[in-house]
Structures are given as C-alpha cells and as structure tokens.
C-alpha atoms as a PDB file:
ATOM      1  CA  MET A   1       0.093  -0.130   0.077  1.00  0.00           C
ATOM      2  CA  LYS A   2       1.468   3.704  -0.923  1.00  0.00           C
ATOM      3  CA  ILE A   3       0.325   6.570   0.885  1.00  0.00           C
ATOM      4  CA  VAL A   4       0.942  10.138   0.404  1.00  0.00           C
ATOM      5  CA  PHE A   5       1.218  12.497   3.583  1.00  0.00           C
ATOM      6  CA  THR A   6       0.805  15.869   3.178  1.00  0.00           C
ATOM      7  CA  GLY A   7       2.308  18.488   5.973  1.00  0.00           C
ATOM      8  CA  GLY A   8       5.559  15.944   6.288  1.00  0.00           C
ATOM      9  CA  SER A   9       7.756  19.248   7.284  1.00  0.00           C
ATOM     10  CA  GLY A  10       5.007  20.358  10.092  1.00  0.00           C
ATOM     11  CA  ARG A  11       5.201  19.081  13.777  1.00  0.00           C
ATOM     12  CA  PHE A  12       3.315  16.181  13.494  1.00  0.00           C
ATOM     13  CA  GLY A  13       4.417  15.370  10.574  1.00  0.00           C
ATOM     14  CA  LYS A  14       8.111  15.134  11.559  1.00  0.00           C
ATOM     15  CA  ILE A  15       7.041  12.793  14.407  1.00  0.00           C
ATOM     16  CA  PHE A  16       4.963  10.611  11.975  1.00  0.00           C
ATOM     17  CA  LYS A  17       8.428  10.358   9.779  1.00  0.00           C
ATOM     18  CA  SER A  18      10.250   8.996  12.775  1.00  0.00           C
ATOM     19  CA  LYS A  19       7.950   6.788  14.592  1.00  0.00           C
ATOM     20  CA  THR A  20       5.631   5.193  11.642  1.00  0.00           C
ATOM     21  CA  LYS A  21       5.894   1.602  11.117  1.00  0.00           C
ATOM     22  CA  LEU A  22       3.910   2.191   7.749  1.00  0.00           C
ATOM     23  CA  LYS A  23       6.041   1.473   4.628  1.00  0.00           C
ATOM     24  CA  ASN A  24       5.928   3.066   1.254  1.00  0.00           C
ATOM     25  CA  VAL A  25       4.565   6.459   2.612  1.00  0.00           C
ATOM     26  CA  PHE A  26       5.774   9.526   0.579  1.00  0.00           C
ATOM     27  CA  TYR A  27       5.922  13.320   1.929  1.00  0.00           C
ATOM     28  CA  PRO A  28       6.002  15.433  -0.754  1.00  0.00           C
ATOM     29  CA  LYS A  29       7.381  19.339  -0.678  1.00  0.00           C
ATOM     30  CA  LYS A  30       5.267  22.037  -1.340  1.00  0.00           C
ATOM     31  CA  LYS A  31       6.989  22.405  -4.883  1.00  0.00           C
ATOM     32  CA  GLU A  32       5.900  18.766  -5.667  1.00  0.00           C
ATOM     33  CA  LEU A  33       2.484  19.058  -4.164  1.00  0.00           C
ATOM     34  CA  ASN A  34       0.815  22.316  -3.278  1.00  0.00           C
ATOM     35  CA  ILE A  35      -2.752  21.758  -1.935  1.00  0.00           C
ATOM     36  CA  LEU A  36      -3.600  25.418  -2.912  1.00  0.00           C
ATOM     37  CA  ASN A  37      -2.842  24.250  -6.658  1.00  0.00           C
ATOM     38  CA  ILE A  38      -5.231  21.723  -8.083  1.00  0.00           C
ATOM     39  CA  TYR A  39      -2.929  20.644 -11.363  1.00  0.00           C
ATOM     40  CA  SER A  40      -0.131  20.288  -8.753  1.00  0.00           C
ATOM     41  CA  ILE A  41      -2.373  17.998  -6.802  1.00  0.00           C
ATOM     42  CA  LYS A  42      -3.401  16.066  -9.696  1.00  0.00           C
ATOM     43  CA  LYS A  43       0.316  15.408 -11.104  1.00  0.00           C
ATOM     44  CA  TYR A  44       1.671  14.406  -8.328  1.00  0.00           C
ATOM     45  CA  LEU A  45      -1.170  12.086  -6.997  1.00  0.00           C
ATOM     46  CA  SER A  46      -1.233  10.530 -10.711  1.00  0.00           C
ATOM     47  CA  LYS A  47       2.336   9.684 -10.762  1.00  0.00           C
ATOM     48  CA  LYS A  48       2.379   8.310  -7.277  1.00  0.00           C
ATOM     49  CA  LYS A  49      -0.737   6.553  -7.727  1.00  0.00           C
ATOM     50  CA  PRO A  50      -1.146   5.875  -3.970  1.00  0.00           C
ATOM     51  CA  GLU A  51      -4.258   3.956  -1.925  1.00  0.00           C
ATOM     52  CA  ILE A  52      -4.380   6.784   0.562  1.00  0.00           C
ATOM     53  CA  VAL A  53      -4.074  10.278   0.997  1.00  0.00           C
ATOM     54  CA  MET A  54      -3.201  11.229   4.400  1.00  0.00           C
ATOM     55  CA  HIS A  55      -3.989  14.965   5.000  1.00  0.00           C
ATOM     56  CA  ALA A  56      -2.060  16.469   7.880  1.00  0.00           C
ATOM     57  CA  ALA A  57      -1.036  19.979   6.307  1.00  0.00           C
ATOM     58  CA  GLY A  58      -2.400  22.917   7.046  1.00  0.00           C
ATOM     59  CA  LEU A  59      -2.531  26.080   9.650  1.00  0.00           C
ATOM     60  CA  SER A  60      -2.706  25.314  13.231  1.00  0.00           C
ATOM     61  CA  ARG A  61      -0.665  27.310  15.572  1.00  0.00           C
ATOM     62  CA  PRO A  62      -0.418  30.145  16.696  1.00  0.00           C
ATOM     63  CA  MET A  63      -4.348  30.268  17.049  1.00  0.00           C
ATOM     64  CA  ASP A  64      -4.688  33.994  16.943  1.00  0.00           C
ATOM     65  CA  MET A  65      -3.485  33.884  13.288  1.00  0.00           C
ATOM     66  CA  HIS A  66      -7.073  32.294  12.698  1.00  0.00           C
ATOM     67  CA  GLU A  67      -8.578  35.280  13.847  1.00  0.00           C
ATOM     68  CA  LYS A  68      -5.756  37.936  12.343  1.00  0.00           C
ATOM     69  CA  ASP A  69      -5.704  36.234   8.944  1.00  0.00           C
ATOM     70  CA  ILE A  70      -8.482  34.539   7.988  1.00  0.00           C
ATOM     71  CA  ASN A  71      -7.555  34.372   4.471  1.00  0.00           C
ATOM     72  CA  GLN A  72      -4.958  32.015   5.172  1.00  0.00           C
ATOM     73  CA  SER A  73      -7.065  29.709   7.375  1.00  0.00           C
ATOM     74  CA  ILE A  74      -9.537  29.535   4.378  1.00  0.00           C
ATOM     75  CA  ASP A  75      -6.989  28.867   2.122  1.00  0.00           C
ATOM     76  CA  LYS A  76      -4.754  26.388   4.026  1.00  0.00           C
ATOM     77  CA  ASN A  77      -7.460  24.412   6.174  1.00  0.00           C
ATOM     78  CA  ILE A  78     -10.624  24.727   3.890  1.00  0.00           C
ATOM     79  CA  ILE A  79      -9.848  25.184   0.160  1.00  0.00           C
ATOM     80  CA  GLY A  80      -6.531  23.180   0.468  1.00  0.00           C
ATOM     81  CA  THR A  81      -8.686  20.508   1.704  1.00  0.00           C
ATOM     82  CA  CYS A  82     -11.448  21.140  -0.908  1.00  0.00           C
ATOM     83  CA  ASN A  83      -8.649  20.749  -3.703  1.00  0.00           C
ATOM     84  CA  LEU A  84      -7.424  17.437  -2.472  1.00  0.00           C
ATOM     85  CA  VAL A  85     -10.987  15.815  -1.900  1.00  0.00           C
ATOM     86  CA  LYS A  86     -12.003  16.591  -5.881  1.00  0.00           C
ATOM     87  CA  ILE A  87      -8.516  15.034  -6.878  1.00  0.00           C
ATOM     88  CA  CYS A  88      -8.845  11.713  -4.757  1.00  0.00           C
ATOM     89  CA  LYS A  89     -12.435  11.554  -5.883  1.00  0.00           C
ATOM     90  CA  ASN A  90     -11.406  11.795  -9.569  1.00  0.00           C
ATOM     91  CA  LEU A  91      -8.466   9.327  -8.818  1.00  0.00           C
ATOM     92  CA  ASP A  92     -10.231   6.888  -6.644  1.00  0.00           C
ATOM     93  CA  ILE A  93      -8.024   7.554  -3.622  1.00  0.00           C
ATOM     94  CA  LYS A  94      -9.096   7.288  -0.128  1.00  0.00           C
ATOM     95  CA  ILE A  95      -8.217  10.626   2.295  1.00  0.00           C
ATOM     96  CA  ILE A  96      -7.790  10.402   5.772  1.00  0.00           C
ATOM     97  CA  TYR A  97      -8.356  13.709   7.422  1.00  0.00           C
ATOM     98  CA  LEU A  98      -6.801  14.434  10.660  1.00  0.00           C
ATOM     99  CA  SER A  99      -9.314  17.328  12.280  1.00  0.00           C
ATOM    100  CA  THR A 100      -9.895  18.267  16.000  1.00  0.00           C
ATOM    101  CA  ASN A 101     -12.242  17.708  19.064  1.00  0.00           C
ATOM    102  CA  TYR A 102     -12.774  21.454  19.063  1.00  0.00           C
ATOM    103  CA  VAL A 103     -15.521  20.909  16.279  1.00  0.00           C
ATOM    104  CA  TYR A 104     -17.872  20.068  19.132  1.00  0.00           C
ATOM    105  CA  PRO A 105     -19.704  22.756  21.163  1.00  0.00           C
ATOM    106  CA  GLY A 106     -17.286  22.222  24.187  1.00  0.00           C
ATOM    107  CA  VAL A 107     -20.139  22.643  26.776  1.00  0.00           C
ATOM    108  CA  LYS A 108     -21.028  19.381  28.031  1.00  0.00           C
ATOM    109  CA  GLY A 109     -18.415  16.828  27.078  1.00  0.00           C
ATOM    110  CA  ASN A 110     -18.508  13.001  26.268  1.00  0.00           C
ATOM    111  CA  TYR A 111     -19.135  13.870  22.567  1.00  0.00           C
ATOM    112  CA  ARG A 112     -20.152  11.087  20.240  1.00  0.00           C
ATOM    113  CA  GLU A 113     -19.264  11.230  16.698  1.00  0.00           C
ATOM    114  CA  ASN A 114     -22.603  11.940  15.210  1.00  0.00           C
ATOM    115  CA  ASP A 115     -23.555  14.607  17.690  1.00  0.00           C
ATOM    116  CA  PRO A 116     -24.261  18.255  16.715  1.00  0.00           C
ATOM    117  CA  LEU A 117     -21.177  20.160  15.894  1.00  0.00           C
ATOM    118  CA  LEU A 118     -20.253  23.855  16.980  1.00  0.00           C
ATOM    119  CA  PRO A 119     -16.871  25.404  16.675  1.00  0.00           C
ATOM    120  CA  TYR A 120     -16.413  28.019  18.932  1.00  0.00           C
ATOM    121  CA  ASN A 121     -13.191  29.839  17.145  1.00  0.00           C
ATOM    122  CA  ASN A 122     -12.008  30.582  13.632  1.00  0.00           C
ATOM    123  CA  TYR A 123      -9.313  27.725  14.011  1.00  0.00           C
ATOM    124  CA  SER A 124     -12.043  24.591  14.577  1.00  0.00           C
ATOM    125  CA  TRP A 125     -14.422  26.416  12.191  1.00  0.00           C
ATOM    126  CA  SER A 126     -11.615  26.153   9.525  1.00  0.00           C
ATOM    127  CA  LYS A 127     -11.318  22.456  10.485  1.00  0.00           C
ATOM    128  CA  LEU A 128     -14.879  21.874  10.024  1.00  0.00           C
ATOM    129  CA  GLY A 129     -14.977  23.565   6.565  1.00  0.00           C
ATOM    130  CA  GLY A 130     -12.250  20.790   5.761  1.00  0.00           C
ATOM    131  CA  GLU A 131     -14.439  18.105   7.109  1.00  0.00           C
ATOM    132  CA  CYS A 132     -17.527  19.235   5.140  1.00  0.00           C
ATOM    133  CA  ALA A 133     -15.713  18.325   1.669  1.00  0.00           C
ATOM    134  CA  VAL A 134     -14.311  15.449   3.051  1.00  0.00           C
ATOM    135  CA  GLN A 135     -17.923  14.114   4.292  1.00  0.00           C
ATOM    136  CA  MET A 136     -19.290  14.431   0.736  1.00  0.00           C
ATOM    137  CA  TYR A 137     -16.536  11.672  -0.495  1.00  0.00           C
ATOM    138  CA  LYS A 138     -17.478   8.504   1.032  1.00  0.00           C
ATOM    139  CA  ASN A 139     -13.925   6.694   0.371  1.00  0.00           C
ATOM    140  CA  SER A 140     -12.885   8.978   3.401  1.00  0.00           C
ATOM    141  CA  LEU A 141     -12.113   8.426   6.970  1.00  0.00           C
ATOM    142  CA  ILE A 142     -12.255  11.631   9.343  1.00  0.00           C
ATOM    143  CA  ILE A 143     -10.264  11.314  12.629  1.00  0.00           C
ATOM    144  CA  ARG A 144     -11.051  13.911  15.222  1.00  0.00           C
ATOM    145  CA  LEU A 145      -7.942  14.283  17.425  1.00  0.00           C
ATOM    146  CA  CYS A 146      -6.823  15.514  20.437  1.00  0.00           C
ATOM    147  CA  MET A 147      -3.258  15.316  20.429  1.00  0.00           C
ATOM    148  CA  THR A 148      -0.098  17.519  21.617  1.00  0.00           C
ATOM    149  CA  GLU A 149       3.725  17.394  21.839  1.00  0.00           C
ATOM    150  CA  LYS A 150       5.761  15.473  24.192  1.00  0.00           C
ATOM    151  CA  PRO A 151       6.680  17.174  26.744  1.00  0.00           C
ATOM    152  CA  PHE A 152       3.912  19.526  27.157  1.00  0.00           C
ATOM    153  CA  ILE A 153       5.033  22.750  25.277  1.00  0.00           C
ATOM    154  CA  HIS A 154       3.471  25.562  27.975  1.00  0.00           C
ATOM    155  CA  ASN A 155       4.452  26.797  30.879  1.00  0.00           C
ATOM    156  CA  PHE A 156       1.016  26.627  32.137  1.00  0.00           C
ATOM    157  CA  ALA A 157      -2.080  24.695  31.613  1.00  0.00           C
ATOM    158  CA  PHE A 158      -6.015  24.961  32.270  1.00  0.00           C
ATOM    159  CA  LYS A 159      -7.162  23.269  35.565  1.00  0.00           C
ATOM    160  CA  ASP A 160     -10.567  23.794  34.192  1.00  0.00           C
ATOM    161  CA  LEU A 161     -10.308  22.692  30.807  1.00  0.00           C
ATOM    162  CA  ILE A 162     -11.341  19.025  30.179  1.00  0.00           C
ATOM    163  CA  THR A 163     -10.325  17.185  27.313  1.00  0.00           C
ATOM    164  CA  ASN A 164      -8.629  13.984  26.068  1.00  0.00           C
ATOM    165  CA  PHE A 165      -5.278  14.838  25.257  1.00  0.00           C
ATOM    166  CA  ILE A 166      -2.610  12.287  24.024  1.00  0.00           C
ATOM    167  CA  PHE A 167       0.795  12.602  22.830  1.00  0.00           C
ATOM    168  CA  GLN A 168       1.633  12.291  19.174  1.00  0.00           C
ATOM    169  CA  GLU A 169       3.677   9.574  19.221  1.00  0.00           C
ATOM    170  CA  GLU A 170       0.709   7.515  20.901  1.00  0.00           C
ATOM    171  CA  PHE A 171      -1.327   8.445  17.930  1.00  0.00           C
ATOM    172  CA  VAL A 172       1.247   7.322  15.450  1.00  0.00           C
ATOM    173  CA  LYS A 173       1.266   3.949  16.963  1.00  0.00           C
ATOM    174  CA  ILE A 174      -2.235   3.732  16.406  1.00  0.00           C
ATOM    175  CA  ILE A 175      -2.878   4.682  12.594  1.00  0.00           C
ATOM    176  CA  PRO A 176      -2.140   1.114  11.070  1.00  0.00           C
ATOM    177  CA  LYS A 177      -4.955   0.072  12.943  1.00  0.00           C
ATOM    178  CA  LEU A 178      -7.525   3.040  11.607  1.00  0.00           C
ATOM    179  CA  ILE A 179      -6.467   3.222   7.878  1.00  0.00           C
ATOM    180  CA  LYS A 180      -8.801   0.475   6.842  1.00  0.00           C
ATOM    181  CA  HIS A 181     -12.085   2.130   8.306  1.00  0.00           C
ATOM    182  CA  LYS A 182     -14.281   5.264   6.761  1.00  0.00           C
ATOM    183  CA  GLY A 183     -16.405   7.754   8.193  1.00  0.00           C
ATOM    184  CA  ILE A 184     -15.751   9.285  11.652  1.00  0.00           C
ATOM    185  CA  ILE A 185     -13.772   8.279  14.610  1.00  0.00           C
ATOM    186  CA  ASN A 186     -12.961  10.253  17.749  1.00  0.00           C
ATOM    187  CA  PHE A 187      -9.505   9.658  19.142  1.00  0.00           C
ATOM    188  CA  GLY A 188      -7.558  10.932  22.206  1.00  0.00           C
ATOM    189  CA  GLY A 189      -6.630   9.810  25.854  1.00  0.00           C
ATOM    190  CA  LYS A 190      -8.214   9.391  29.140  1.00  0.00           C
ATOM    191  CA  THR A 191     -10.867  12.039  29.826  1.00  0.00           C
ATOM    192  CA  MET A 192      -8.948  14.672  32.378  1.00  0.00           C
ATOM    193  CA  SER A 193      -8.153  18.454  32.649  1.00  0.00           C
ATOM    194  CA  ALA A 194      -5.000  19.739  30.829  1.00  0.00           C
ATOM    195  CA  TYR A 195      -3.386  20.638  33.834  1.00  0.00           C
ATOM    196  CA  ASN A 196      -3.549  17.058  35.134  1.00  0.00           C
ATOM    197  CA  PHE A 197      -2.390  15.874  31.688  1.00  0.00           C
ATOM    198  CA  ALA A 198       0.228  18.488  31.386  1.00  0.00           C
ATOM    199  CA  LYS A 199       1.824  16.976  34.964  1.00  0.00           C
ATOM    200  CA  LYS A 200       2.726  13.919  33.224  1.00  0.00           C
ATOM    201  CA  THR A 201       5.910  15.410  31.668  1.00  0.00           C
ATOM    202  CA  LYS A 202       6.017  18.578  33.563  1.00  0.00           C
ATOM    203  CA  LYS A 203       5.687  18.044  37.383  1.00  0.00           C
ATOM    204  CA  ASP A 204       5.979  21.631  38.118  1.00  0.00           C
ATOM    205  CA  ILE A 205       3.610  23.151  35.370  1.00  0.00           C
ATOM    206  CA  LYS A 206       1.443  25.969  36.706  1.00  0.00           C
ATOM    207  CA  GLY A 207      -2.156  25.774  36.577  1.00  0.00           C
ATOM    208  CA  VAL A 208      -4.463  28.561  35.798  1.00  0.00           C
ATOM    209  CA  LYS A 209      -8.213  28.890  35.223  1.00  0.00           C
ATOM    210  CA  ALA A 210      -9.014  29.876  32.015  1.00  0.00           C
ATOM    211  CA  PHE A 211     -11.039  32.823  32.689  1.00  0.00           C
ATOM    212  CA  GLN A 212      -7.873  34.496  34.740  1.00  0.00           C
ATOM    213  CA  LEU A 213      -5.566  34.296  31.672  1.00  0.00           C
ATOM    214  CA  LEU A 214      -8.356  34.807  28.681  1.00  0.00           C
ATOM    215  CA  LYS A 215     -10.709  37.505  30.349  1.00  0.00           C
ATOM    216  CA  GLU A 216     -13.506  35.644  28.879  1.00  0.00           C
ATOM    217  CA  LYS A 217     -15.353  32.905  28.901  1.00  0.00           C
ATOM    218  CA  ILE A 218     -14.797  29.753  26.437  1.00  0.00           C
ATOM    219  CA  PRO A 219     -16.342  26.367  26.260  1.00  0.00           C
ATOM    220  CA  LEU A 220     -14.374  24.121  28.615  1.00  0.00           C
ATOM    221  CA  ASN A 221     -15.437  20.713  28.028  1.00  0.00           C
ATOM    222  CA  HIS A 222     -14.277  19.384  24.636  1.00  0.00           C
ATOM    223  CA  SER A 223     -14.023  15.862  25.847  1.00  0.00           C
ATOM    224  CA  MET A 224     -14.886  12.728  23.723  1.00  0.00           C
ATOM    225  CA  ASN A 225     -16.743   9.623  23.975  1.00  0.00           C
ATOM    226  CA  LEU A 226     -14.393   6.936  22.705  1.00  0.00           C
ATOM    227  CA  LYS A 227     -16.426   3.832  22.420  1.00  0.00           C
ATOM    228  CA  LYS A 228     -16.230   3.271  18.788  1.00  0.00           C
ATOM    229  CA  ILE A 229     -12.392   3.861  18.941  1.00  0.00           C
ATOM    230  CA  ASN A 230     -12.098   1.440  21.870  1.00  0.00           C
ATOM    231  CA  LYS A 231     -13.784  -1.184  19.986  1.00  0.00           C
ATOM    232  CA  ILE A 232     -11.712  -0.757  17.116  1.00  0.00           C
ATOM    233  CA  LEU A 233      -8.811  -1.225  19.000  1.00  0.00           C
ATOM    234  CA  ASN A 234      -9.905  -4.140  21.180  1.00  0.00           C
ATOM    235  CA  ASP A 235     -11.790  -6.463  17.890  1.00  0.00           C
END
C-alpha cells in the first residue's frame, strides 16, 4: 500500500516520519504538491498512484493567526482540503483527514461522533470547513483528534479545561489500525483536565483557570466519547 502524507514538514509530520511503522509513505514538499494548486495535486497523485492520502497539512498554531488572517486560515484548511478531496475523488484515492475535537460545542463533553457540531473559534471552524468536503466523499476517514507534543510545550495549563489529550507518538502507533476504516472516529486519551495531563511530563507546571488568563468565557469541556475507537482497537 502506498500512502501520500501531506504536511510532512510540520510538527506532527516530523513525529510521524520518525515513529511510523507504515511502509511506502511519500512526503511531498510544497513544490511537488501544493494543496492550493489543483493541477499540482493531480500531477503528483497521478504519478505516485497511492491508495491513501493522509492529509495533515494546514494551519494550526499560533491560534490567533486564524483570527488575524482569515484568508490564510481559509486557504490552507478549507480550500486546500477541498482541492485534495476533488482530486482524490477523480482518481479513486481514499483520503484520511486529521481534524480536531474542537469542532464540538465544548459545553457538556463526552461527545459522540454523530453529535451536533459547533466550533467556538476560527481554527475549529476552518477544520470543520475541511470536514464538510471530506464528508461528501464516501471513500474517506475523518479522525477528530486531541493530541499534543511531548513534553507539554506550555509553561501553564488550564485546570478547568476538560479534554482528551494524548501525545503525538501514541497516535502514530495507532494509525495502522485505523487506515482501513471509513467515516468518523474520535481519538484521544483518558478524559481529564489539561493541567493533570500536562503534569505527566512537567511536574512543576503552573495551573490556571481559563478566565483568569483569557478574561473571557470559553467552552471548557471538549472531551469525546471514545467507545468507537476502543471497540476498533479491541476487536
């Protein structure tokens, strides 16, 4: 099986390269495959003839960039994804899209894959915009992720933010078990506060309340129901 991985030079892409056990994975540079140029996509995928495109390219951090420069957010996370989906459909290539748990409302937590969605910031809206295109193509898999770098990169963590953080390395180990599936899958770690998760690798990390730092109320429970992924892994 041949896989084309977009975003190989990004933070997660570098971890994926170094940790994956999958073979025949190609990591095109932007000059080889530009997600904003549909002819570039078609040329590269027609040449490589992969069975799967794993789409991790896009704009994530800094989060405020999605508020300051919506053009870049729209281009990289929505239009680029739409372009990939169209060519994958034309060439009958499966697409695996790495999304985020922040597409859920973040109010009650324990969100299932078929629960209503309501992003609260431009980053999560841009990821949901990408999901819309992927959902239209049935030969696809959307993975709603909650992952971060190891060790925890910040000097503080929210005590009141409940989520499912997992380290990138742990997700890479699981990917081979997911690539045959289609639809939508939530993926993350045990439900806990961001602060308790961060303490795993930073014992002296500072715990703060979200409102103390942000001076505004934000949704604080983006935890996901993981029954579907646990069933997949246990079968």
